[in-house]
Amino acid sequence: MKYVYNNKGTCSVRTEVELNPDHTIASVQVLGGCNGNLKGIASLLAGMKAEDAIARMEGTTCGSKPTSCPDQIAQALKGALAAL
């Protein structure tokens, strides 16, 4: 199942996640932000349970911002789980 989330408070503007029925992450794509870092994060997340990824990334901040690209990925994953 593919889910699109509009990021808030980050350089990246949108996160697209694809979840399998067993809650494993099939893919993550982030539009904008630090390209190399986000490609690396997406590669590390592939095959991970969404719940585990959320637990690791939610609440991560970037500089003085109250959020970050990893935190926004966590929010996208939470939305995707709710939509399953």
PDB file of N, CA and C in Angstrom:
ATOM      1  N   MET A   1       0.837  -1.155   0.000  1.00  0.00           N
ATOM      2  CA  MET A   1       0.000   0.000   0.000  1.00  0.00           C
ATOM      3  C   MET A   1       0.894   1.233   0.000  1.00  0.00           C
ATOM      4  N   LYS A   2       0.636   2.142  -0.941  1.00  0.00           N
ATOM      5  CA  LYS A   2       1.418   3.366  -1.041  1.00  0.00           C
ATOM      6  C   LYS A   2       0.700   4.492  -0.309  1.00  0.00           C
ATOM      7  N   TYR A   3       1.478   5.300   0.428  1.00  0.00           N
ATOM      8  CA  TYR A   3       0.932   6.403   1.208  1.00  0.00           C
ATOM      9  C   TYR A   3       1.796   7.635   0.972  1.00  0.00           C
ATOM     10  N   VAL A   4       1.155   8.774   0.726  1.00  0.00           N
ATOM     11  CA  VAL A   4       1.866  10.033   0.485  1.00  0.00           C
ATOM     12  C   VAL A   4       1.594  10.977   1.648  1.00  0.00           C
ATOM     13  N   TYR A   5       2.662  11.544   2.178  1.00  0.00           N
ATOM     14  CA  TYR A   5       2.576  12.460   3.326  1.00  0.00           C
ATOM     15  C   TYR A   5       3.257  13.772   2.966  1.00  0.00           C
ATOM     16  N   ASN A   6       2.590  14.888   3.191  1.00  0.00           N
ATOM     17  CA  ASN A   6       3.175  16.209   2.973  1.00  0.00           C
ATOM     18  C   ASN A   6       3.913  16.633   4.238  1.00  0.00           C
ATOM     19  N   ASN A   7       5.237  16.724   4.119  1.00  0.00           N
ATOM     20  CA  ASN A   7       6.075  17.039   5.275  1.00  0.00           C
ATOM     21  C   ASN A   7       5.804  18.443   5.799  1.00  0.00           C
ATOM     22  N   LYS A   8       6.074  18.617   7.076  1.00  0.00           N
ATOM     23  CA  LYS A   8       5.873  19.907   7.740  1.00  0.00           C
ATOM     24  C   LYS A   8       7.144  20.295   8.489  1.00  0.00           C
ATOM     25  N   GLY A   9       7.647  21.509   8.242  1.00  0.00           N
ATOM     26  CA  GLY A   9       8.766  22.033   9.014  1.00  0.00           C
ATOM     27  C   GLY A   9      10.142  21.557   8.616  1.00  0.00           C
ATOM     28  N   THR A  10      10.282  20.968   7.423  1.00  0.00           N
ATOM     29  CA  THR A  10      11.584  20.478   6.968  1.00  0.00           C
ATOM     30  C   THR A  10      11.882  20.971   5.558  1.00  0.00           C
ATOM     31  N   CYS A  11      13.143  20.805   5.143  1.00  0.00           N
ATOM     32  CA  CYS A  11      13.529  21.136   3.767  1.00  0.00           C
ATOM     33  C   CYS A  11      12.849  20.189   2.779  1.00  0.00           C
ATOM     34  N   SER A  12      12.670  18.943   3.173  1.00  0.00           N
ATOM     35  CA  SER A  12      11.954  17.992   2.317  1.00  0.00           C
ATOM     36  C   SER A  12      10.467  18.340   2.339  1.00  0.00           C
ATOM     37  N   VAL A  13       9.808  18.118   1.206  1.00  0.00           N
ATOM     38  CA  VAL A  13       8.409  18.549   1.110  1.00  0.00           C
ATOM     39  C   VAL A  13       7.403  17.404   1.128  1.00  0.00           C
ATOM     40  N   ARG A  14       7.838  16.204   0.737  1.00  0.00           N
ATOM     41  CA  ARG A  14       6.887  15.090   0.666  1.00  0.00           C
ATOM     42  C   ARG A  14       7.614  13.773   0.908  1.00  0.00           C
ATOM     43  N   THR A  15       6.922  12.849   1.562  1.00  0.00           N
ATOM     44  CA  THR A  15       7.436  11.501   1.784  1.00  0.00           C
ATOM     45  C   THR A  15       6.426  10.508   1.246  1.00  0.00           C
ATOM     46  N   GLU A  16       6.912   9.573   0.442  1.00  0.00           N
ATOM     47  CA  GLU A  16       6.072   8.497  -0.089  1.00  0.00           C
ATOM     48  C   GLU A  16       6.582   7.188   0.488  1.00  0.00           C
ATOM     49  N   VAL A  17       5.706   6.462   1.165  1.00  0.00           N
ATOM     50  CA  VAL A  17       6.084   5.171   1.729  1.00  0.00           C
ATOM     51  C   VAL A  17       5.199   4.082   1.143  1.00  0.00           C
ATOM     52  N   GLU A  18       5.782   2.922   0.992  1.00  0.00           N
ATOM     53  CA  GLU A  18       5.021   1.754   0.550  1.00  0.00           C
ATOM     54  C   GLU A  18       5.202   0.671   1.602  1.00  0.00           C
ATOM     55  N   LEU A  19       4.079   0.230   2.170  1.00  0.00           N
ATOM     56  CA  LEU A  19       4.095  -0.802   3.205  1.00  0.00           C
ATOM     57  C   LEU A  19       3.503  -2.098   2.680  1.00  0.00           C
ATOM     58  N   ASN A  20       4.070  -3.201   3.142  1.00  0.00           N
ATOM     59  CA  ASN A  20       3.507  -4.515   2.865  1.00  0.00           C
ATOM     60  C   ASN A  20       2.437  -4.816   3.915  1.00  0.00           C
ATOM     61  N   PRO A  21       1.552  -5.780   3.652  1.00  0.00           N
ATOM     62  CA  PRO A  21       0.489  -6.102   4.616  1.00  0.00           C
ATOM     63  C   PRO A  21       1.001  -6.484   6.008  1.00  0.00           C
ATOM     64  N   ASP A  22       2.236  -7.016   6.091  1.00  0.00           N
ATOM     65  CA  ASP A  22       2.797  -7.399   7.394  1.00  0.00           C
ATOM     66  C   ASP A  22       3.522  -6.241   8.088  1.00  0.00           C
ATOM     67  N   HIS A  23       3.315  -5.016   7.573  1.00  0.00           N
ATOM     68  CA  HIS A  23       3.875  -3.779   8.134  1.00  0.00           C
ATOM     69  C   HIS A  23       5.357  -3.590   7.838  1.00  0.00           C
ATOM     70  N   THR A  24       5.960  -4.439   6.991  1.00  0.00           N
ATOM     71  CA  THR A  24       7.341  -4.180   6.603  1.00  0.00           C
ATOM     72  C   THR A  24       7.359  -3.090   5.539  1.00  0.00           C
ATOM     73  N   ILE A  25       8.427  -2.307   5.562  1.00  0.00           N
ATOM     74  CA  ILE A  25       8.579  -1.191   4.634  1.00  0.00           C
ATOM     75  C   ILE A  25       9.124  -1.720   3.316  1.00  0.00           C
ATOM     76  N   ALA A  26       8.365  -1.516   2.244  1.00  0.00           N
ATOM     77  CA  ALA A  26       8.820  -1.912   0.909  1.00  0.00           C
ATOM     78  C   ALA A  26       9.711  -0.832   0.318  1.00  0.00           C
ATOM     79  N   SER A  27       9.329   0.443   0.496  1.00  0.00           N
ATOM     80  CA  SER A  27      10.140   1.540  -0.034  1.00  0.00           C
ATOM     81  C   SER A  27       9.778   2.848   0.647  1.00  0.00           C
ATOM     82  N   VAL A  28      10.739   3.768   0.614  1.00  0.00           N
ATOM     83  CA  VAL A  28      10.553   5.136   1.100  1.00  0.00           C
ATOM     84  C   VAL A  28      11.211   6.059   0.091  1.00  0.00           C
ATOM     85  N   GLN A  29      10.501   7.092  -0.324  1.00  0.00           N
ATOM     86  CA  GLN A  29      11.062   8.121  -1.194  1.00  0.00           C
ATOM     87  C   GLN A  29      10.729   9.471  -0.583  1.00  0.00           C
ATOM     88  N   VAL A  30      11.743  10.349  -0.515  1.00  0.00           N
ATOM     89  CA  VAL A  30      11.554  11.680   0.051  1.00  0.00           C
ATOM     90  C   VAL A  30      11.909  12.702  -1.016  1.00  0.00           C
ATOM     91  N   LEU A  31      11.024  13.663  -1.223  1.00  0.00           N
ATOM     92  CA  LEU A  31      11.240  14.725  -2.204  1.00  0.00           C
ATOM     93  C   LEU A  31      11.818  15.937  -1.494  1.00  0.00           C
ATOM     94  N   GLY A  32      13.000  16.373  -1.929  1.00  0.00           N
ATOM     95  CA  GLY A  32      13.691  17.492  -1.302  1.00  0.00           C
ATOM     96  C   GLY A  32      14.567  16.995  -0.168  1.00  0.00           C
ATOM     97  N   GLY A  33      15.189  17.915   0.541  1.00  0.00           N
ATOM     98  CA  GLY A  33      16.054  17.536   1.650  1.00  0.00           C
ATOM     99  C   GLY A  33      17.438  17.141   1.181  1.00  0.00           C
ATOM    100  N   CYS A  34      18.207  16.534   2.052  1.00  0.00           N
ATOM    101  CA  CYS A  34      19.587  16.120   1.767  1.00  0.00           C
ATOM    102  C   CYS A  34      19.569  14.783   1.034  1.00  0.00           C
ATOM    103  N   ASN A  35      19.714  14.845  -0.260  1.00  0.00           N
ATOM    104  CA  ASN A  35      19.514  13.697  -1.141  1.00  0.00           C
ATOM    105  C   ASN A  35      20.262  12.446  -0.694  1.00  0.00           C
ATOM    106  N   GLY A  36      21.560  12.543  -0.497  1.00  0.00           N
ATOM    107  CA  GLY A  36      22.344  11.362  -0.144  1.00  0.00           C
ATOM    108  C   GLY A  36      21.938  10.755   1.184  1.00  0.00           C
ATOM    109  N   ASN A  37      21.752  11.595   2.182  1.00  0.00           N
ATOM    110  CA  ASN A  37      21.339  11.095   3.500  1.00  0.00           C
ATOM    111  C   ASN A  37      19.992  10.402   3.429  1.00  0.00           C
ATOM    112  N   LEU A  38      19.058  10.996   2.698  1.00  0.00           N
ATOM    113  CA  LEU A  38      17.715  10.417   2.625  1.00  0.00           C
ATOM    114  C   LEU A  38      17.701   9.127   1.816  1.00  0.00           C
ATOM    115  N   LYS A  39      18.542   9.027   0.790  1.00  0.00           N
ATOM    116  CA  LYS A  39      18.659   7.757   0.059  1.00  0.00           C
ATOM    117  C   LYS A  39      19.219   6.676   0.981  1.00  0.00           C
ATOM    118  N   GLY A  40      20.191   7.044   1.802  1.00  0.00           N
ATOM    119  CA  GLY A  40      20.761   6.088   2.748  1.00  0.00           C
ATOM    120  C   GLY A  40      19.744   5.627   3.777  1.00  0.00           C
ATOM    121  N   ILE A  41      18.991   6.569   4.321  1.00  0.00           N
ATOM    122  CA  ILE A  41      17.948   6.221   5.289  1.00  0.00           C
ATOM    123  C   ILE A  41      16.926   5.298   4.645  1.00  0.00           C
ATOM    124  N   ALA A  42      16.502   5.625   3.417  1.00  0.00           N
ATOM    125  CA  ALA A  42      15.516   4.794   2.715  1.00  0.00           C
ATOM    126  C   ALA A  42      16.039   3.377   2.524  1.00  0.00           C
ATOM    127  N   SER A  43      17.313   3.253   2.190  1.00  0.00           N
ATOM    128  CA  SER A  43      17.906   1.930   1.997  1.00  0.00           C
ATOM    129  C   SER A  43      17.932   1.142   3.307  1.00  0.00           C
ATOM    130  N   LEU A  44      18.255   1.808   4.399  1.00  0.00           N
ATOM    131  CA  LEU A  44      18.281   1.137   5.703  1.00  0.00           C
ATOM    132  C   LEU A  44      16.893   0.712   6.167  1.00  0.00           C
ATOM    133  N   LEU A  45      15.871   1.477   5.789  1.00  0.00           N
ATOM    134  CA  LEU A  45      14.506   1.179   6.227  1.00  0.00           C
ATOM    135  C   LEU A  45      13.868   0.018   5.468  1.00  0.00           C
ATOM    136  N   ALA A  46      14.304  -0.239   4.249  1.00  0.00           N
ATOM    137  CA  ALA A  46      13.692  -1.299   3.436  1.00  0.00           C
ATOM    138  C   ALA A  46      13.764  -2.637   4.175  1.00  0.00           C
ATOM    139  N   GLY A  47      12.614  -3.264   4.354  1.00  0.00           N
ATOM    140  CA  GLY A  47      12.531  -4.554   5.032  1.00  0.00           C
ATOM    141  C   GLY A  47      12.290  -4.459   6.532  1.00  0.00           C
ATOM    142  N   MET A  48      12.413  -3.251   7.095  1.00  0.00           N
ATOM    143  CA  MET A  48      12.204  -3.049   8.532  1.00  0.00           C
ATOM    144  C   MET A  48      10.708  -2.925   8.832  1.00  0.00           C
ATOM    145  N   LYS A  49      10.305  -3.350   9.992  1.00  0.00           N
ATOM    146  CA  LYS A  49       8.926  -3.144  10.431  1.00  0.00           C
ATOM    147  C   LYS A  49       8.700  -1.650  10.651  1.00  0.00           C
ATOM    148  N   ALA A  50       7.565  -1.161  10.191  1.00  0.00           N
ATOM    149  CA  ALA A  50       7.249   0.259  10.319  1.00  0.00           C
ATOM    150  C   ALA A  50       7.283   0.699  11.781  1.00  0.00           C
ATOM    151  N   GLU A  51       6.773  -0.120  12.664  1.00  0.00           N
ATOM    152  CA  GLU A  51       6.733   0.229  14.085  1.00  0.00           C
ATOM    153  C   GLU A  51       8.145   0.427  14.653  1.00  0.00           C
ATOM    154  N   ASP A  52       9.096  -0.414  14.220  1.00  0.00           N
ATOM    155  CA  ASP A  52      10.478  -0.280  14.682  1.00  0.00           C
ATOM    156  C   ASP A  52      11.105   1.004  14.155  1.00  0.00           C
ATOM    157  N   ALA A  53      10.850   1.321  12.894  1.00  0.00           N
ATOM    158  CA  ALA A  53      11.390   2.544  12.298  1.00  0.00           C
ATOM    159  C   ALA A  53      10.832   3.776  13.002  1.00  0.00           C
ATOM    160  N   ILE A  54       9.542   3.756  13.297  1.00  0.00           N
ATOM    161  CA  ILE A  54       8.913   4.882  14.004  1.00  0.00           C
ATOM    162  C   ILE A  54       9.568   5.069  15.372  1.00  0.00           C
ATOM    163  N   ALA A  55       9.759   3.976  16.100  1.00  0.00           N
ATOM    164  CA  ALA A  55      10.351   4.051  17.438  1.00  0.00           C
ATOM    165  C   ALA A  55      11.757   4.643  17.397  1.00  0.00           C
ATOM    166  N   ARG A  56      12.504   4.371  16.342  1.00  0.00           N
ATOM    167  CA  ARG A  56      13.879   4.868  16.237  1.00  0.00           C
ATOM    168  C   ARG A  56      13.956   6.319  15.777  1.00  0.00           C
ATOM    169  N   MET A  57      13.030   6.744  14.920  1.00  0.00           N
ATOM    170  CA  MET A  57      13.170   8.052  14.280  1.00  0.00           C
ATOM    171  C   MET A  57      12.264   9.143  14.830  1.00  0.00           C
ATOM    172  N   GLU A  58      11.127   8.785  15.398  1.00  0.00           N
ATOM    173  CA  GLU A  58      10.175   9.799  15.853  1.00  0.00           C
ATOM    174  C   GLU A  58      10.799  10.666  16.943  1.00  0.00           C
ATOM    175  N   GLY A  59      10.633  11.977  16.804  1.00  0.00           N
ATOM    176  CA  GLY A  59      11.159  12.912  17.785  1.00  0.00           C
ATOM    177  C   GLY A  59      12.548  13.437  17.468  1.00  0.00           C
ATOM    178  N   THR A  60      13.181  12.925  16.419  1.00  0.00           N
ATOM    179  CA  THR A  60      14.489  13.423  16.007  1.00  0.00           C
ATOM    180  C   THR A  60      14.346  14.862  15.520  1.00  0.00           C
ATOM    181  N   THR A  61      15.257  15.727  15.953  1.00  0.00           N
ATOM    182  CA  THR A  61      15.212  17.127  15.534  1.00  0.00           C
ATOM    183  C   THR A  61      16.380  17.438  14.607  1.00  0.00           C
ATOM    184  N   CYS A  62      16.284  18.571  13.911  1.00  0.00           N
ATOM    185  CA  CYS A  62      17.334  19.025  12.999  1.00  0.00           C
ATOM    186  C   CYS A  62      17.663  20.471  13.348  1.00  0.00           C
ATOM    187  N   GLY A  63      18.850  20.695  13.892  1.00  0.00           N
ATOM    188  CA  GLY A  63      19.223  22.045  14.305  1.00  0.00           C
ATOM    189  C   GLY A  63      18.237  22.573  15.331  1.00  0.00           C
ATOM    190  N   SER A  64      17.736  23.780  15.098  1.00  0.00           N
ATOM    191  CA  SER A  64      16.782  24.377  16.039  1.00  0.00           C
ATOM    192  C   SER A  64      15.333  24.034  15.706  1.00  0.00           C
ATOM    193  N   LYS A  65      15.129  23.240  14.642  1.00  0.00           N
ATOM    194  CA  LYS A  65      13.762  22.864  14.250  1.00  0.00           C
ATOM    195  C   LYS A  65      13.225  21.792  15.208  1.00  0.00           C
ATOM    196  N   PRO A  66      11.931  21.799  15.462  1.00  0.00           N
ATOM    197  CA  PRO A  66      11.353  20.789  16.358  1.00  0.00           C
ATOM    198  C   PRO A  66      11.131  19.436  15.675  1.00  0.00           C
ATOM    199  N   THR A  67      11.488  19.331  14.405  1.00  0.00           N
ATOM    200  CA  THR A  67      11.297  18.106  13.632  1.00  0.00           C
ATOM    201  C   THR A  67      12.514  17.897  12.735  1.00  0.00           C
ATOM    202  N   SER A  68      12.481  16.864  11.909  1.00  0.00           N
ATOM    203  CA  SER A  68      13.566  16.545  10.983  1.00  0.00           C
ATOM    204  C   SER A  68      13.004  15.661   9.880  1.00  0.00           C
ATOM    205  N   CYS A  69      13.814  15.395   8.873  1.00  0.00           N
ATOM    206  CA  CYS A  69      13.361  14.473   7.825  1.00  0.00           C
ATOM    207  C   CYS A  69      13.069  13.078   8.391  1.00  0.00           C
ATOM    208  N   PRO A  70      13.945  12.512   9.262  1.00  0.00           N
ATOM    209  CA  PRO A  70      13.596  11.217   9.850  1.00  0.00           C
ATOM    210  C   PRO A  70      12.298  11.258  10.655  1.00  0.00           C
ATOM    211  N   ASP A  71      12.074  12.339  11.398  1.00  0.00           N
ATOM    212  CA  ASP A  71      10.826  12.473  12.153  1.00  0.00           C
ATOM    213  C   ASP A  71       9.636  12.526  11.202  1.00  0.00           C
ATOM    214  N   GLN A  72       9.781  13.214  10.080  1.00  0.00           N
ATOM    215  CA  GLN A  72       8.690  13.298   9.115  1.00  0.00           C
ATOM    216  C   GLN A  72       8.447  11.944   8.434  1.00  0.00           C
ATOM    217  N   ILE A  73       9.501  11.167   8.216  1.00  0.00           N
ATOM    218  CA  ILE A  73       9.324   9.804   7.699  1.00  0.00           C
ATOM    219  C   ILE A  73       8.521   8.991   8.715  1.00  0.00           C
ATOM    220  N   ALA A  74       8.845   9.149   9.999  1.00  0.00           N
ATOM    221  CA  ALA A  74       8.094   8.448  11.048  1.00  0.00           C
ATOM    222  C   ALA A  74       6.623   8.844  11.014  1.00  0.00           C
ATOM    223  N   GLN A  75       6.344  10.123  10.810  1.00  0.00           N
ATOM    224  CA  GLN A  75       4.949  10.579  10.736  1.00  0.00           C
ATOM    225  C   GLN A  75       4.251   9.965   9.523  1.00  0.00           C
ATOM    226  N   ALA A  76       4.972   9.883   8.402  1.00  0.00           N
ATOM    227  CA  ALA A  76       4.403   9.260   7.203  1.00  0.00           C
ATOM    228  C   ALA A  76       4.097   7.787   7.457  1.00  0.00           C
ATOM    229  N   LEU A  77       5.000   7.098   8.138  1.00  0.00           N
ATOM    230  CA  LEU A  77       4.778   5.683   8.448  1.00  0.00           C
ATOM    231  C   LEU A  77       3.582   5.504   9.381  1.00  0.00           C
ATOM    232  N   LYS A  78       3.428   6.392  10.350  1.00  0.00           N
ATOM    233  CA  LYS A  78       2.262   6.324  11.239  1.00  0.00           C
ATOM    234  C   LYS A  78       0.971   6.508  10.446  1.00  0.00           C
ATOM    235  N   GLY A  79       0.983   7.441   9.503  1.00  0.00           N
ATOM    236  CA  GLY A  79      -0.191   7.649   8.660  1.00  0.00           C
ATOM    237  C   GLY A  79      -0.496   6.439   7.804  1.00  0.00           C
ATOM    238  N   ALA A  80       0.564   5.832   7.263  1.00  0.00           N
ATOM    239  CA  ALA A  80       0.377   4.647   6.427  1.00  0.00           C
ATOM    240  C   ALA A  80      -0.198   3.490   7.239  1.00  0.00           C
ATOM    241  N   LEU A  81       0.300   3.294   8.453  1.00  0.00           N
ATOM    242  CA  LEU A  81      -0.232   2.224   9.304  1.00  0.00           C
ATOM    243  C   LEU A  81      -1.704   2.460   9.618  1.00  0.00           C
ATOM    244  N   ALA A  82      -2.060   3.699   9.879  1.00  0.00           N
ATOM    245  CA  ALA A  82      -3.453   4.022  10.190  1.00  0.00           C
ATOM    246  C   ALA A  82      -4.365   3.783   8.996  1.00  0.00           C
ATOM    247  N   ALA A  83      -3.810   3.906   7.792  1.00  0.00           N
ATOM    248  CA  ALA A  83      -4.607   3.739   6.573  1.00  0.00           C
ATOM    249  C   ALA A  83      -4.733   2.280   6.142  1.00  0.00           C
ATOM    250  N   LEU A  84      -3.936   1.384   6.743  1.00  0.00           N
ATOM    251  CA  LEU A  84      -4.006  -0.038   6.359  1.00  0.00           C
ATOM    252  C   LEU A  84      -5.345  -0.650   6.735  1.00  0.00           C
TER     253      LEU A  84
END
